[in-house]
Amino acid sequence: APEKWKYPIDRFAMETKRQLDVLDRQLADRPYIGGDEYSIAD
């Protein structure tokens, strides 16, 4: 963006960290996103 604005950066940083947490929890007990096999999800 041409200028730094706190509101959208905070809003989307929060959502990005939530998404990373979704993935982190999914990968806690499986080697790949969909399960045991590497796939188009990865």
ModelCIF file with pLDDT and N, C-alpha, C, O atoms, coordinates in Angstrom:
data_MODEL
#
_entry.id   MODEL 
#
_entity.id                         1 
_entity.type                       polymer 
_entity.pdbx_number_of_molecules   1 
#
_entity_poly.entity_id                      1 
_entity_poly.type                           'polypeptide(L)' 
_entity_poly.nstd_linkage                   no 
_entity_poly.nstd_monomer                   no 
_entity_poly.pdbx_seq_one_letter_code       APEKWKYPIDRFAMETKRQLDVLDRQLADRPYIGGDEYSIAD 
_entity_poly.pdbx_seq_one_letter_code_can   APEKWKYPIDRFAMETKRQLDVLDRQLADRPYIGGDEYSIAD 
_entity_poly.pdbx_strand_id                 A 
#
loop_
_entity_poly_seq.entity_id 
_entity_poly_seq.num 
_entity_poly_seq.mon_id 
_entity_poly_seq.hetero 
1 1  ALA n 
1 2  PRO n 
1 3  GLU n 
1 4  LYS n 
1 5  TRP n 
1 6  LYS n 
1 7  TYR n 
1 8  PRO n 
1 9  ILE n 
1 10 ASP n 
1 11 ARG n 
1 12 PHE n 
1 13 ALA n 
1 14 MET n 
1 15 GLU n 
1 16 THR n 
1 17 LYS n 
1 18 ARG n 
1 19 GLN n 
1 20 LEU n 
1 21 ASP n 
1 22 VAL n 
1 23 LEU n 
1 24 ASP n 
1 25 ARG n 
1 26 GLN n 
1 27 LEU n 
1 28 ALA n 
1 29 ASP n 
1 30 ARG n 
1 31 PRO n 
1 32 TYR n 
1 33 ILE n 
1 34 GLY n 
1 35 GLY n 
1 36 ASP n 
1 37 GLU n 
1 38 TYR n 
1 39 SER n 
1 40 ILE n 
1 41 ALA n 
1 42 ASP n 
#
_struct_asym.id          A 
_struct_asym.entity_id   1 
#
loop_
_ma_qa_metric.id 
_ma_qa_metric.mode 
_ma_qa_metric.name 
_ma_qa_metric.software_group_id 
_ma_qa_metric.type 
1 global pLDDT . pLDDT 
2 local  pLDDT . pLDDT 
#
_ma_qa_metric_global.metric_id      1 
_ma_qa_metric_global.metric_value   96.81 
_ma_qa_metric_global.model_id       1 
_ma_qa_metric_global.ordinal_id     1 
#
loop_
_ma_qa_metric_local.label_asym_id 
_ma_qa_metric_local.label_comp_id 
_ma_qa_metric_local.label_seq_id 
_ma_qa_metric_local.metric_id 
_ma_qa_metric_local.metric_value 
_ma_qa_metric_local.model_id 
_ma_qa_metric_local.ordinal_id 
A ALA 1  2 92.00 1 1  
A PRO 2  2 90.00 1 2  
A GLU 3  2 91.00 1 3  
A LYS 4  2 92.00 1 4  
A TRP 5  2 93.00 1 5  
A LYS 6  2 95.00 1 6  
A TYR 7  2 95.00 1 7  
A PRO 8  2 96.00 1 8  
A ILE 9  2 98.00 1 9  
A ASP 10 2 98.00 1 10 
A ARG 11 2 98.00 1 11 
A PHE 12 2 98.00 1 12 
A ALA 13 2 98.00 1 13 
A MET 14 2 98.00 1 14 
A GLU 15 2 98.00 1 15 
A THR 16 2 98.00 1 16 
A LYS 17 2 98.00 1 17 
A ARG 18 2 98.00 1 18 
A GLN 19 2 98.00 1 19 
A LEU 20 2 98.00 1 20 
A ASP 21 2 98.00 1 21 
A VAL 22 2 98.00 1 22 
A LEU 23 2 98.00 1 23 
A ASP 24 2 98.00 1 24 
A ARG 25 2 98.00 1 25 
A GLN 26 2 98.00 1 26 
A LEU 27 2 98.00 1 27 
A ALA 28 2 98.00 1 28 
A ASP 29 2 97.00 1 29 
A ARG 30 2 97.00 1 30 
A PRO 31 2 98.00 1 31 
A TYR 32 2 98.00 1 32 
A ILE 33 2 98.00 1 33 
A GLY 34 2 96.00 1 34 
A GLY 35 2 95.00 1 35 
A ASP 36 2 96.00 1 36 
A GLU 37 2 97.00 1 37 
A TYR 38 2 98.00 1 38 
A SER 39 2 98.00 1 39 
A ILE 40 2 98.00 1 40 
A ALA 41 2 98.00 1 41 
A ASP 42 2 98.00 1 42 
#
loop_
_atom_site.group_PDB 
_atom_site.id 
_atom_site.type_symbol 
_atom_site.label_atom_id 
_atom_site.label_alt_id 
_atom_site.label_comp_id 
_atom_site.label_asym_id 
_atom_site.label_entity_id 
_atom_site.label_seq_id 
_atom_site.pdbx_PDB_ins_code 
_atom_site.Cartn_x 
_atom_site.Cartn_y 
_atom_site.Cartn_z 
_atom_site.occupancy 
_atom_site.B_iso_or_equiv 
_atom_site.pdbx_formal_charge 
_atom_site.auth_seq_id 
_atom_site.auth_comp_id 
_atom_site.auth_asym_id 
_atom_site.auth_atom_id 
_atom_site.pdbx_PDB_model_num 
ATOM 1   N N  . ALA A 1 1  ? 0.835  -1.195  0.000  1.00 92.00 ? 1  ALA A N  1 
ATOM 2   C CA . ALA A 1 1  ? 0.000  0.000   0.000  1.00 92.00 ? 1  ALA A CA 1 
ATOM 3   C C  . ALA A 1 1  ? 0.878  1.258   0.000  1.00 92.00 ? 1  ALA A C  1 
ATOM 4   O O  . ALA A 1 1  ? 1.982  1.232   0.545  1.00 92.00 ? 1  ALA A O  1 
ATOM 5   N N  . PRO A 1 2  ? 0.408  2.352   -0.600 1.00 90.00 ? 2  PRO A N  1 
ATOM 6   C CA . PRO A 1 2  ? 1.236  3.566   -0.664 1.00 90.00 ? 2  PRO A CA 1 
ATOM 7   C C  . PRO A 1 2  ? 1.492  4.198   0.685  1.00 90.00 ? 2  PRO A C  1 
ATOM 8   O O  . PRO A 1 2  ? 2.451  4.955   0.838  1.00 90.00 ? 2  PRO A O  1 
ATOM 9   N N  . GLU A 1 3  ? 0.652  3.902   1.672  1.00 91.00 ? 3  GLU A N  1 
ATOM 10  C CA . GLU A 1 3  ? 0.852  4.427   3.023  1.00 91.00 ? 3  GLU A CA 1 
ATOM 11  C C  . GLU A 1 3  ? 0.545  3.327   4.029  1.00 91.00 ? 3  GLU A C  1 
ATOM 12  O O  . GLU A 1 3  ? -0.221 2.409   3.736  1.00 91.00 ? 3  GLU A O  1 
ATOM 13  N N  . LYS A 1 4  ? 1.146  3.421   5.225  1.00 92.00 ? 4  LYS A N  1 
ATOM 14  C CA . LYS A 1 4  ? 0.903  2.453   6.286  1.00 92.00 ? 4  LYS A CA 1 
ATOM 15  C C  . LYS A 1 4  ? -0.284 2.916   7.126  1.00 92.00 ? 4  LYS A C  1 
ATOM 16  O O  . LYS A 1 4  ? -0.275 4.013   7.686  1.00 92.00 ? 4  LYS A O  1 
ATOM 17  N N  . TRP A 1 5  ? -1.300 2.068   7.206  1.00 93.00 ? 5  TRP A N  1 
ATOM 18  C CA . TRP A 1 5  ? -2.492 2.364   7.997  1.00 93.00 ? 5  TRP A CA 1 
ATOM 19  C C  . TRP A 1 5  ? -2.660 1.283   9.063  1.00 93.00 ? 5  TRP A C  1 
ATOM 20  O O  . TRP A 1 5  ? -2.666 0.091   8.757  1.00 93.00 ? 5  TRP A O  1 
ATOM 21  N N  . LYS A 1 6  ? -2.796 1.714   10.308 1.00 95.00 ? 6  LYS A N  1 
ATOM 22  C CA . LYS A 1 6  ? -2.833 0.784   11.425 1.00 95.00 ? 6  LYS A CA 1 
ATOM 23  C C  . LYS A 1 6  ? -4.047 -0.147  11.372 1.00 95.00 ? 6  LYS A C  1 
ATOM 24  O O  . LYS A 1 6  ? -3.922 -1.351  11.594 1.00 95.00 ? 6  LYS A O  1 
ATOM 25  N N  . TYR A 1 7  ? -5.205 0.409   11.079 1.00 95.00 ? 7  TYR A N  1 
ATOM 26  C CA . TYR A 1 7  ? -6.421 -0.420  11.164 1.00 95.00 ? 7  TYR A CA 1 
ATOM 27  C C  . TYR A 1 7  ? -6.370 -1.642  10.250 1.00 95.00 ? 7  TYR A C  1 
ATOM 28  O O  . TYR A 1 7  ? -6.551 -2.756  10.742 1.00 95.00 ? 7  TYR A O  1 
ATOM 29  N N  . PRO A 1 8  ? -6.130 -1.491  8.932  1.00 96.00 ? 8  PRO A N  1 
ATOM 30  C CA . PRO A 1 8  ? -6.111 -2.695  8.091  1.00 96.00 ? 8  PRO A CA 1 
ATOM 31  C C  . PRO A 1 8  ? -4.950 -3.630  8.397  1.00 96.00 ? 8  PRO A C  1 
ATOM 32  O O  . PRO A 1 8  ? -5.098 -4.848  8.292  1.00 96.00 ? 8  PRO A O  1 
ATOM 33  N N  . ILE A 1 9  ? -3.786 -3.078  8.776  1.00 98.00 ? 9  ILE A N  1 
ATOM 34  C CA . ILE A 1 9  ? -2.661 -3.953  9.113  1.00 98.00 ? 9  ILE A CA 1 
ATOM 35  C C  . ILE A 1 9  ? -2.999 -4.781  10.345 1.00 98.00 ? 9  ILE A C  1 
ATOM 36  O O  . ILE A 1 9  ? -2.751 -5.987  10.362 1.00 98.00 ? 9  ILE A O  1 
ATOM 37  N N  . ASP A 1 10 ? -3.563 -4.153  11.381 1.00 98.00 ? 10 ASP A N  1 
ATOM 38  C CA . ASP A 1 10 ? -3.942 -4.890  12.582 1.00 98.00 ? 10 ASP A CA 1 
ATOM 39  C C  . ASP A 1 10 ? -5.011 -5.938  12.275 1.00 98.00 ? 10 ASP A C  1 
ATOM 40  O O  . ASP A 1 10 ? -4.937 -7.073  12.745 1.00 98.00 ? 10 ASP A O  1 
ATOM 41  N N  . ARG A 1 11 ? -5.991 -5.547  11.490 1.00 98.00 ? 11 ARG A N  1 
ATOM 42  C CA . ARG A 1 11 ? -7.096 -6.461  11.183 1.00 98.00 ? 11 ARG A CA 1 
ATOM 43  C C  . ARG A 1 11 ? -6.597 -7.707  10.445 1.00 98.00 ? 11 ARG A C  1 
ATOM 44  O O  . ARG A 1 11 ? -6.949 -8.830  10.806 1.00 98.00 ? 11 ARG A O  1 
ATOM 45  N N  . PHE A 1 12 ? -5.778 -7.502  9.416  1.00 98.00 ? 12 PHE A N  1 
ATOM 46  C CA . PHE A 1 12 ? -5.351 -8.638  8.605  1.00 98.00 ? 12 PHE A CA 1 
ATOM 47  C C  . PHE A 1 12 ? -4.189 -9.392  9.254  1.00 98.00 ? 12 PHE A C  1 
ATOM 48  O O  . PHE A 1 12 ? -4.011 -10.580 8.988  1.00 98.00 ? 12 PHE A O  1 
ATOM 49  N N  . ALA A 1 13 ? -3.395 -8.731  10.099 1.00 98.00 ? 13 ALA A N  1 
ATOM 50  C CA . ALA A 1 13 ? -2.383 -9.458  10.866 1.00 98.00 ? 13 ALA A CA 1 
ATOM 51  C C  . ALA A 1 13 ? -3.058 -10.435 11.825 1.00 98.00 ? 13 ALA A C  1 
ATOM 52  O O  . ALA A 1 13 ? -2.615 -11.574 11.969 1.00 98.00 ? 13 ALA A O  1 
ATOM 53  N N  . MET A 1 14 ? -4.124 -9.993  12.475 1.00 98.00 ? 14 MET A N  1 
ATOM 54  C CA . MET A 1 14 ? -4.867 -10.863 13.376 1.00 98.00 ? 14 MET A CA 1 
ATOM 55  C C  . MET A 1 14 ? -5.411 -12.070 12.619 1.00 98.00 ? 14 MET A C  1 
ATOM 56  O O  . MET A 1 14 ? -5.307 -13.198 13.102 1.00 98.00 ? 14 MET A O  1 
ATOM 57  N N  . GLU A 1 15 ? -5.983 -11.849 11.449 1.00 98.00 ? 15 GLU A N  1 
ATOM 58  C CA . GLU A 1 15 ? -6.551 -12.955 10.682 1.00 98.00 ? 15 GLU A CA 1 
ATOM 59  C C  . GLU A 1 15 ? -5.458 -13.887 10.171 1.00 98.00 ? 15 GLU A C  1 
ATOM 60  O O  . GLU A 1 15 ? -5.647 -15.104 10.160 1.00 98.00 ? 15 GLU A O  1 
ATOM 61  N N  . THR A 1 16 ? -4.323 -13.341 9.748  1.00 98.00 ? 16 THR A N  1 
ATOM 62  C CA . THR A 1 16 ? -3.234 -14.186 9.267  1.00 98.00 ? 16 THR A CA 1 
ATOM 63  C C  . THR A 1 16 ? -2.699 -15.068 10.385 1.00 98.00 ? 16 THR A C  1 
ATOM 64  O O  . THR A 1 16 ? -2.422 -16.247 10.164 1.00 98.00 ? 16 THR A O  1 
ATOM 65  N N  . LYS A 1 17 ? -2.549 -14.512 11.584 1.00 98.00 ? 17 LYS A N  1 
ATOM 66  C CA . LYS A 1 17 ? -2.083 -15.309 12.706 1.00 98.00 ? 17 LYS A CA 1 
ATOM 67  C C  . LYS A 1 17 ? -3.120 -16.376 13.075 1.00 98.00 ? 17 LYS A C  1 
ATOM 68  O O  . LYS A 1 17 ? -2.747 -17.482 13.466 1.00 98.00 ? 17 LYS A O  1 
ATOM 69  N N  . ARG A 1 18 ? -4.381 -16.070 12.960 1.00 98.00 ? 18 ARG A N  1 
ATOM 70  C CA . ARG A 1 18 ? -5.411 -17.089 13.212 1.00 98.00 ? 18 ARG A CA 1 
ATOM 71  C C  . ARG A 1 18 ? -5.286 -18.232 12.214 1.00 98.00 ? 18 ARG A C  1 
ATOM 72  O O  . ARG A 1 18 ? -5.395 -19.400 12.586 1.00 98.00 ? 18 ARG A O  1 
ATOM 73  N N  . GLN A 1 19 ? -5.057 -17.894 10.942 1.00 98.00 ? 19 GLN A N  1 
ATOM 74  C CA . GLN A 1 19 ? -4.909 -18.932 9.928  1.00 98.00 ? 19 GLN A CA 1 
ATOM 75  C C  . GLN A 1 19 ? -3.670 -19.787 10.177 1.00 98.00 ? 19 GLN A C  1 
ATOM 76  O O  . GLN A 1 19 ? -3.711 -21.005 10.007 1.00 98.00 ? 19 GLN A O  1 
ATOM 77  N N  . LEU A 1 20 ? -2.567 -19.150 10.581 1.00 98.00 ? 20 LEU A N  1 
ATOM 78  C CA . LEU A 1 20 ? -1.372 -19.916 10.916 1.00 98.00 ? 20 LEU A CA 1 
ATOM 79  C C  . LEU A 1 20 ? -1.647 -20.861 12.087 1.00 98.00 ? 20 LEU A C  1 
ATOM 80  O O  . LEU A 1 20 ? -1.124 -21.975 12.126 1.00 98.00 ? 20 LEU A O  1 
ATOM 81  N N  . ASP A 1 21 ? -2.455 -20.421 13.025 1.00 98.00 ? 21 ASP A N  1 
ATOM 82  C CA . ASP A 1 21 ? -2.804 -21.280 14.157 1.00 98.00 ? 21 ASP A CA 1 
ATOM 83  C C  . ASP A 1 21 ? -3.667 -22.449 13.707 1.00 98.00 ? 21 ASP A C  1 
ATOM 84  O O  . ASP A 1 21 ? -3.513 -23.563 14.208 1.00 98.00 ? 21 ASP A O  1 
ATOM 85  N N  . VAL A 1 22 ? -4.578 -22.205 12.760 1.00 98.00 ? 22 VAL A N  1 
ATOM 86  C CA . VAL A 1 22 ? -5.368 -23.294 12.187 1.00 98.00 ? 22 VAL A CA 1 
ATOM 87  C C  . VAL A 1 22 ? -4.447 -24.366 11.617 1.00 98.00 ? 22 VAL A C  1 
ATOM 88  O O  . VAL A 1 22 ? -4.618 -25.553 11.896 1.00 98.00 ? 22 VAL A O  1 
ATOM 89  N N  . LEU A 1 23 ? -3.467 -23.941 10.815 1.00 98.00 ? 23 LEU A N  1 
ATOM 90  C CA . LEU A 1 23 ? -2.531 -24.889 10.208 1.00 98.00 ? 23 LEU A CA 1 
ATOM 91  C C  . LEU A 1 23 ? -1.671 -25.572 11.268 1.00 98.00 ? 23 LEU A C  1 
ATOM 92  O O  . LEU A 1 23 ? -1.425 -26.775 11.187 1.00 98.00 ? 23 LEU A O  1 
ATOM 93  N N  . ASP A 1 24 ? -1.218 -24.818 12.249 1.00 98.00 ? 24 ASP A N  1 
ATOM 94  C CA . ASP A 1 24 ? -0.349 -25.382 13.282 1.00 98.00 ? 24 ASP A CA 1 
ATOM 95  C C  . ASP A 1 24 ? -1.062 -26.487 14.043 1.00 98.00 ? 24 ASP A C  1 
ATOM 96  O O  . ASP A 1 24 ? -0.466 -27.519 14.349 1.00 98.00 ? 24 ASP A O  1 
ATOM 97  N N  . ARG A 1 25 ? -2.331 -26.277 14.349 1.00 98.00 ? 25 ARG A N  1 
ATOM 98  C CA . ARG A 1 25 ? -3.113 -27.302 15.050 1.00 98.00 ? 25 ARG A CA 1 
ATOM 99  C C  . ARG A 1 25 ? -3.344 -28.513 14.158 1.00 98.00 ? 25 ARG A C  1 
ATOM 100 O O  . ARG A 1 25 ? -3.297 -29.652 14.624 1.00 98.00 ? 25 ARG A O  1 
ATOM 101 N N  . GLN A 1 26 ? -3.596 -28.266 12.862 1.00 98.00 ? 26 GLN A N  1 
ATOM 102 C CA . GLN A 1 26 ? -3.816 -29.377 11.938 1.00 98.00 ? 26 GLN A CA 1 
ATOM 103 C C  . GLN A 1 26 ? -2.564 -30.242 11.799 1.00 98.00 ? 26 GLN A C  1 
ATOM 104 O O  . GLN A 1 26 ? -2.662 -31.461 11.655 1.00 98.00 ? 26 GLN A O  1 
ATOM 105 N N  . LEU A 1 27 ? -1.396 -29.616 11.843 1.00 98.00 ? 27 LEU A N  1 
ATOM 106 C CA . LEU A 1 27 ? -0.138 -30.339 11.651 1.00 98.00 ? 27 LEU A CA 1 
ATOM 107 C C  . LEU A 1 27 ? 0.431  -30.910 12.950 1.00 98.00 ? 27 LEU A C  1 
ATOM 108 O O  . LEU A 1 27 ? 1.519  -31.486 12.945 1.00 98.00 ? 27 LEU A O  1 
ATOM 109 N N  . ALA A 1 28 ? -0.275 -30.760 14.037 1.00 98.00 ? 28 ALA A N  1 
ATOM 110 C CA . ALA A 1 28 ? 0.247  -31.222 15.326 1.00 98.00 ? 28 ALA A CA 1 
ATOM 111 C C  . ALA A 1 28 ? 0.364  -32.737 15.389 1.00 98.00 ? 28 ALA A C  1 
ATOM 112 O O  . ALA A 1 28 ? 1.242  -33.256 16.078 1.00 98.00 ? 28 ALA A O  1 
ATOM 113 N N  . ASP A 1 29 ? -0.504 -33.455 14.683 1.00 97.00 ? 29 ASP A N  1 
ATOM 114 C CA . ASP A 1 29 ? -0.503 -34.916 14.797 1.00 97.00 ? 29 ASP A CA 1 
ATOM 115 C C  . ASP A 1 29 ? -0.558 -35.615 13.442 1.00 97.00 ? 29 ASP A C  1 
ATOM 116 O O  . ASP A 1 29 ? -1.012 -36.755 13.342 1.00 97.00 ? 29 ASP A O  1 
ATOM 117 N N  . ARG A 1 30 ? -0.094 -34.926 12.402 1.00 97.00 ? 30 ARG A N  1 
ATOM 118 C CA . ARG A 1 30 ? -0.042 -35.540 11.074 1.00 97.00 ? 30 ARG A CA 1 
ATOM 119 C C  . ARG A 1 30 ? 1.101  -34.907 10.291 1.00 97.00 ? 30 ARG A C  1 
ATOM 120 O O  . ARG A 1 30 ? 1.417  -33.739 10.515 1.00 97.00 ? 30 ARG A O  1 
ATOM 121 N N  . PRO A 1 31 ? 1.733  -35.649 9.378  1.00 98.00 ? 31 PRO A N  1 
ATOM 122 C CA . PRO A 1 31 ? 2.901  -35.117 8.668  1.00 98.00 ? 31 PRO A CA 1 
ATOM 123 C C  . PRO A 1 31 ? 2.567  -34.135 7.551  1.00 98.00 ? 31 PRO A C  1 
ATOM 124 O O  . PRO A 1 31 ? 3.383  -33.287 7.189  1.00 98.00 ? 31 PRO A O  1 
ATOM 125 N N  . TYR A 1 32 ? 1.359  -34.261 7.010  1.00 98.00 ? 32 TYR A N  1 
ATOM 126 C CA . TYR A 1 32 ? 0.971  -33.390 5.907  1.00 98.00 ? 32 TYR A CA 1 
ATOM 127 C C  . TYR A 1 32 ? -0.406 -32.800 6.190  1.00 98.00 ? 32 TYR A C  1 
ATOM 128 O O  . TYR A 1 32 ? -1.128 -33.267 7.071  1.00 98.00 ? 32 TYR A O  1 
ATOM 129 N N  . ILE A 1 33 ? -0.748 -31.789 5.444  1.00 98.00 ? 33 ILE A N  1 
ATOM 130 C CA . ILE A 1 33 ? -1.985 -31.055 5.722  1.00 98.00 ? 33 ILE A CA 1 
ATOM 131 C C  . ILE A 1 33 ? -3.204 -31.957 5.704  1.00 98.00 ? 33 ILE A C  1 
ATOM 132 O O  . ILE A 1 33 ? -4.055 -31.871 6.590  1.00 98.00 ? 33 ILE A O  1 
ATOM 133 N N  . GLY A 1 34 ? -3.298 -32.825 4.698  1.00 96.00 ? 34 GLY A N  1 
ATOM 134 C CA . GLY A 1 34 ? -4.479 -33.681 4.573  1.00 96.00 ? 34 GLY A CA 1 
ATOM 135 C C  . GLY A 1 34 ? -4.414 -34.966 5.358  1.00 96.00 ? 34 GLY A C  1 
ATOM 136 O O  . GLY A 1 34 ? -5.420 -35.667 5.473  1.00 96.00 ? 34 GLY A O  1 
ATOM 137 N N  . GLY A 1 35 ? -3.259 -35.295 5.903  1.00 95.00 ? 35 GLY A N  1 
ATOM 138 C CA . GLY A 1 35 ? -3.130 -36.550 6.634  1.00 95.00 ? 35 GLY A CA 1 
ATOM 139 C C  . GLY A 1 35 ? -1.746 -37.146 6.492  1.00 95.00 ? 35 GLY A C  1 
ATOM 140 O O  . GLY A 1 35 ? -0.744 -36.465 6.711  1.00 95.00 ? 35 GLY A O  1 
ATOM 141 N N  . ASP A 1 36 ? -1.687 -38.429 6.121  1.00 96.00 ? 36 ASP A N  1 
ATOM 142 C CA . ASP A 1 36 ? -0.422 -39.142 6.062  1.00 96.00 ? 36 ASP A CA 1 
ATOM 143 C C  . ASP A 1 36 ? 0.313  -38.977 4.737  1.00 96.00 ? 36 ASP A C  1 
ATOM 144 O O  . ASP A 1 36 ? 1.507  -39.269 4.658  1.00 96.00 ? 36 ASP A O  1 
ATOM 145 N N  . GLU A 1 37 ? -0.376 -38.515 3.696  1.00 97.00 ? 37 GLU A N  1 
ATOM 146 C CA . GLU A 1 37 ? 0.224  -38.449 2.368  1.00 97.00 ? 37 GLU A CA 1 
ATOM 147 C C  . GLU A 1 37 ? 0.327  -37.011 1.864  1.00 97.00 ? 37 GLU A C  1 
ATOM 148 O O  . GLU A 1 37 ? -0.572 -36.196 2.070  1.00 97.00 ? 37 GLU A O  1 
ATOM 149 N N  . TYR A 1 38 ? 1.423  -36.727 1.212  1.00 98.00 ? 38 TYR A N  1 
ATOM 150 C CA . TYR A 1 38 ? 1.637  -35.455 0.512  1.00 98.00 ? 38 TYR A CA 1 
ATOM 151 C C  . TYR A 1 38 ? 0.594  -35.321 -0.594 1.00 98.00 ? 38 TYR A C  1 
ATOM 152 O O  . TYR A 1 38 ? 0.331  -36.282 -1.318 1.00 98.00 ? 38 TYR A O  1 
ATOM 153 N N  . SER A 1 39 ? -0.001 -34.137 -0.729 1.00 98.00 ? 39 SER A N  1 
ATOM 154 C CA . SER A 1 39 ? -1.124 -33.995 -1.661 1.00 98.00 ? 39 SER A CA 1 
ATOM 155 C C  . SER A 1 39 ? -1.190 -32.578 -2.227 1.00 98.00 ? 39 SER A C  1 
ATOM 156 O O  . SER A 1 39 ? -0.373 -31.718 -1.898 1.00 98.00 ? 39 SER A O  1 
ATOM 157 N N  . ILE A 1 40 ? -2.177 -32.363 -3.080 1.00 98.00 ? 40 ILE A N  1 
ATOM 158 C CA . ILE A 1 40 ? -2.375 -31.029 -3.642 1.00 98.00 ? 40 ILE A CA 1 
ATOM 159 C C  . ILE A 1 40 ? -2.736 -30.012 -2.563 1.00 98.00 ? 40 ILE A C  1 
ATOM 160 O O  . ILE A 1 40 ? -2.615 -28.810 -2.797 1.00 98.00 ? 40 ILE A O  1 
ATOM 161 N N  . ALA A 1 41 ? -3.171 -30.459 -1.403 1.00 98.00 ? 41 ALA A N  1 
ATOM 162 C CA . ALA A 1 41 ? -3.402 -29.510 -0.301 1.00 98.00 ? 41 ALA A CA 1 
ATOM 163 C C  . ALA A 1 41 ? -2.084 -28.890 0.134  1.00 98.00 ? 41 ALA A C  1 
ATOM 164 O O  . ALA A 1 41 ? -2.001 -27.677 0.330  1.00 98.00 ? 41 ALA A O  1 
ATOM 165 N N  . ASP A 1 42 ? -1.053 -29.715 0.287  1.00 98.00 ? 42 ASP A N  1 
ATOM 166 C CA . ASP A 1 42 ? 0.273  -29.193 0.640  1.00 98.00 ? 42 ASP A CA 1 
ATOM 167 C C  . ASP A 1 42 ? 0.828  -28.312 -0.472 1.00 98.00 ? 42 ASP A C  1 
ATOM 168 O O  . ASP A 1 42 ? 1.934  -27.786 -0.350 1.00 98.00 ? 42 ASP A O  1 
#
